[in-house]
C-alpha atoms as a PDB file:
ATOM      1  CA  MET A   1      63.836 117.729  76.152  1.00  0.00           C
ATOM      2  CA  LYS A   2      65.948 120.477  77.757  1.00  0.00           C
ATOM      3  CA  VAL A   3      65.619 121.851  81.259  1.00  0.00           C
ATOM      4  CA  ARG A   4      66.771 125.413  81.673  1.00  0.00           C
ATOM      5  CA  GLU A   5      66.241 127.471  84.808  1.00  0.00           C
ATOM      6  CA  ASN A   6      63.353 125.248  85.871  1.00  0.00           C
ATOM      7  CA  ILE A   7      61.651 125.740  82.505  1.00  0.00           C
ATOM      8  CA  VAL A   8      60.988 122.625  80.455  1.00  0.00           C
ATOM      9  CA  ILE A   9      61.320 123.081  76.708  1.00  0.00           C
ATOM     10  CA  GLU A  10      59.808 120.282  74.633  1.00  0.00           C
ATOM     11  CA  SER A  11      61.077 119.857  71.124  1.00  0.00           C
ATOM     12  CA  ARG A  12      59.771 117.479  68.492  1.00  0.00           C
ATOM     13  CA  LEU A  13      61.206 117.394  65.008  1.00  0.00           C
ATOM     14  CA  PRO A  14      59.259 116.172  61.976  1.00  0.00           C
ATOM     15  CA  ASP A  15      59.526 112.419  61.331  1.00  0.00           C
ATOM     16  CA  HIS A  16      61.894 112.788  58.374  1.00  0.00           C
ATOM     17  CA  PHE A  17      64.594 114.151  60.722  1.00  0.00           C
ATOM     18  CA  TYR A  18      64.634 110.770  62.483  1.00  0.00           C
ATOM     19  CA  SER A  19      65.285 108.740  59.337  1.00  0.00           C
ATOM     20  CA  PHE A  20      68.955 108.371  60.243  1.00  0.00           C
ATOM     21  CA  ILE A  21      68.004 106.250  63.254  1.00  0.00           C
ATOM     22  CA  ARG A  22      65.061 104.468  61.613  1.00  0.00           C
ATOM     23  CA  PRO A  23      66.220 102.776  58.427  1.00  0.00           C
ATOM     24  CA  MET A  24      64.118 103.663  55.426  1.00  0.00           C
ATOM     25  CA  VAL A  25      62.665 100.944  53.213  1.00  0.00           C
ATOM     26  CA  ARG A  26      60.627 100.775  50.049  1.00  0.00           C
ATOM     27  CA  ALA A  27      57.490  98.674  49.733  1.00  0.00           C
ATOM     28  CA  HIS A  28      55.953  97.893  46.375  1.00  0.00           C
ATOM     29  CA  ILE A  29      52.383  96.860  47.221  1.00  0.00           C
ATOM     30  CA  HIS A  30      49.608  95.446  45.069  1.00  0.00           C
ATOM     31  CA  PHE A  31      46.071  95.326  46.518  1.00  0.00           C
ATOM     32  CA  CYS A  32      43.465  93.108  44.844  1.00  0.00           C
ATOM     33  CA  GLY A  33      39.738  93.121  45.455  1.00  0.00           C
ATOM     34  CA  THR A  34      37.160  95.883  45.324  1.00  0.00           C
ATOM     35  CA  VAL A  35      39.763  98.410  46.370  1.00  0.00           C
ATOM     36  CA  GLN A  36      39.514 101.442  44.103  1.00  0.00           C
ATOM     37  CA  GLY A  37      37.928 104.483  45.694  1.00  0.00           C
ATOM     38  CA  VAL A  38      38.052 103.260  49.296  1.00  0.00           C
ATOM     39  CA  GLY A  39      40.422 106.023  50.475  1.00  0.00           C
ATOM     40  CA  PHE A  40      43.906 104.526  50.748  1.00  0.00           C
ATOM     41  CA  ARG A  41      45.434 107.933  50.144  1.00  0.00           C
ATOM     42  CA  TYR A  42      43.996 109.322  53.387  1.00  0.00           C
ATOM     43  CA  THR A  43      45.987 106.904  55.532  1.00  0.00           C
ATOM     44  CA  THR A  44      49.548 107.472  54.282  1.00  0.00           C
ATOM     45  CA  LEU A  45      51.083 108.397  57.684  1.00  0.00           C
ATOM     46  CA  SER A  46      53.685 110.847  56.353  1.00  0.00           C
ATOM     47  CA  LEU A  47      55.143 108.298  53.951  1.00  0.00           C
ATOM     48  CA  THR A  48      56.431 109.230  50.519  1.00  0.00           C
ATOM     49  CA  GLY A  49      55.734 107.588  47.174  1.00  0.00           C
ATOM     50  CA  TRP A  50      52.605 107.095  45.132  1.00  0.00           C
ATOM     51  CA  VAL A  51      49.391 105.140  44.699  1.00  0.00           C
ATOM     52  CA  LYS A  52      47.474 104.471  41.506  1.00  0.00           C
ATOM     53  CA  ASN A  53      44.411 102.603  40.294  1.00  0.00           C
ATOM     54  CA  LEU A  54      45.058  99.898  37.717  1.00  0.00           C
ATOM     55  CA  SER A  55      42.759  99.008  34.823  1.00  0.00           C
ATOM     56  CA  ASP A  56      41.941  95.590  36.346  1.00  0.00           C
ATOM     57  CA  GLY A  57      40.383  97.252  39.437  1.00  0.00           C
ATOM     58  CA  SER A  58      43.371  96.697  41.720  1.00  0.00           C
ATOM     59  CA  VAL A  59      45.511  99.348  43.387  1.00  0.00           C
ATOM     60  CA  GLN A  60      49.292  99.613  43.247  1.00  0.00           C
ATOM     61  CA  ALA A  61      51.405 101.602  45.691  1.00  0.00           C
ATOM     62  CA  LEU A  62      55.093 102.359  46.004  1.00  0.00           C
ATOM     63  CA  LEU A  63      55.908 103.683  49.475  1.00  0.00           C
ATOM     64  CA  GLU A  64      59.078 104.768  51.227  1.00  0.00           C
ATOM     65  CA  GLY A  65      59.605 105.409  54.907  1.00  0.00           C
ATOM     66  CA  PRO A  66      60.495 103.605  58.113  1.00  0.00           C
ATOM     67  CA  ARG A  67      59.348  99.973  57.903  1.00  0.00           C
ATOM     68  CA  GLU A  68      57.307 100.312  61.096  1.00  0.00           C
ATOM     69  CA  LYS A  69      55.326 103.215  59.543  1.00  0.00           C
ATOM     70  CA  ILE A  70      54.596 101.186  56.409  1.00  0.00           C
ATOM     71  CA  GLU A  71      53.547  98.214  58.551  1.00  0.00           C
ATOM     72  CA  GLU A  72      51.341 100.564  60.600  1.00  0.00           C
ATOM     73  CA  LEU A  73      49.714 101.753  57.370  1.00  0.00           C
ATOM     74  CA  LEU A  74      49.099  98.160  56.273  1.00  0.00           C
ATOM     75  CA  SER A  75      47.503  97.381  59.640  1.00  0.00           C
ATOM     76  CA  LYS A  76      45.230 100.432  59.395  1.00  0.00           C
ATOM     77  CA  LEU A  77      44.236  99.502  55.854  1.00  0.00           C
ATOM     78  CA  LYS A  78      43.396  95.974  56.987  1.00  0.00           C
ATOM     79  CA  VAL A  79      41.213  97.297  59.821  1.00  0.00           C
ATOM     80  CA  GLN A  80      39.495 100.018  57.776  1.00  0.00           C
ATOM     81  CA  PHE A  81      39.235  98.338  54.375  1.00  0.00           C
ATOM     82  CA  GLY A  82      39.824  94.634  55.060  1.00  0.00           C
ATOM     83  CA  SER A  83      36.432  93.630  53.715  1.00  0.00           C
ATOM     84  CA  PHE A  84      37.372  95.164  50.334  1.00  0.00           C
ATOM     85  CA  ILE A  85      40.894  93.721  50.098  1.00  0.00           C
ATOM     86  CA  ARG A  86      41.017  90.148  48.785  1.00  0.00           C
ATOM     87  CA  GLU A  87      44.811  89.888  48.497  1.00  0.00           C
ATOM     88  CA  THR A  88      47.870  92.013  49.299  1.00  0.00           C
ATOM     89  CA  GLN A  89      51.254  91.381  47.700  1.00  0.00           C
ATOM     90  CA  ILE A  90      54.261  93.215  49.171  1.00  0.00           C
ATOM     91  CA  GLU A  91      57.840  93.378  47.960  1.00  0.00           C
ATOM     92  CA  TRP A  92      60.289  94.947  50.452  1.00  0.00           C
ATOM     93  CA  VAL A  93      63.463  96.515  49.023  1.00  0.00           C
ATOM     94  CA  GLU A  94      65.992  99.156  49.987  1.00  0.00           C
ATOM     95  CA  ALA A  95      64.731 102.749  49.836  1.00  0.00           C
ATOM     96  CA  ARG A  96      66.080 104.960  47.057  1.00  0.00           C
ATOM     97  CA  GLY A  97      65.001 108.297  48.521  1.00  0.00           C
ATOM     98  CA  GLU A  98      63.580 109.543  45.231  1.00  0.00           C
ATOM     99  CA  PHE A  99      60.288 110.913  46.618  1.00  0.00           C
ATOM    100  CA  ASP A 100      59.670 114.025  48.699  1.00  0.00           C
ATOM    101  CA  ARG A 101      55.862 113.639  49.019  1.00  0.00           C
ATOM    102  CA  PHE A 102      52.990 111.235  48.531  1.00  0.00           C
ATOM    103  CA  SER A 103      51.194 111.434  45.170  1.00  0.00           C
ATOM    104  CA  ILE A 104      48.135 109.960  43.528  1.00  0.00           C
ATOM    105  CA  ILE A 105      48.894 109.058  39.914  1.00  0.00           C
END
């Protein structure tokens, strides 16, 4: 925030500009249960990566972003879709920065 001649100018950059102060991580997530079609894609919180339905009825996601944003997504999914999710497996690794958007594949 800048103050100039008694005028306050608020500035807020998009989240990706703050990645240098919030380390980026990659989460490979596997959701088991009755999880296809429940709307995971609508809760991605500006993360990058992808989500896809698997032939066994589970859902796989590969997400990149600040760890706290991914954890926030997982919390929201648990609240919104917890009754559909029987098991969640998560592997945390270093981000590679290969995605520029979130995709459904």
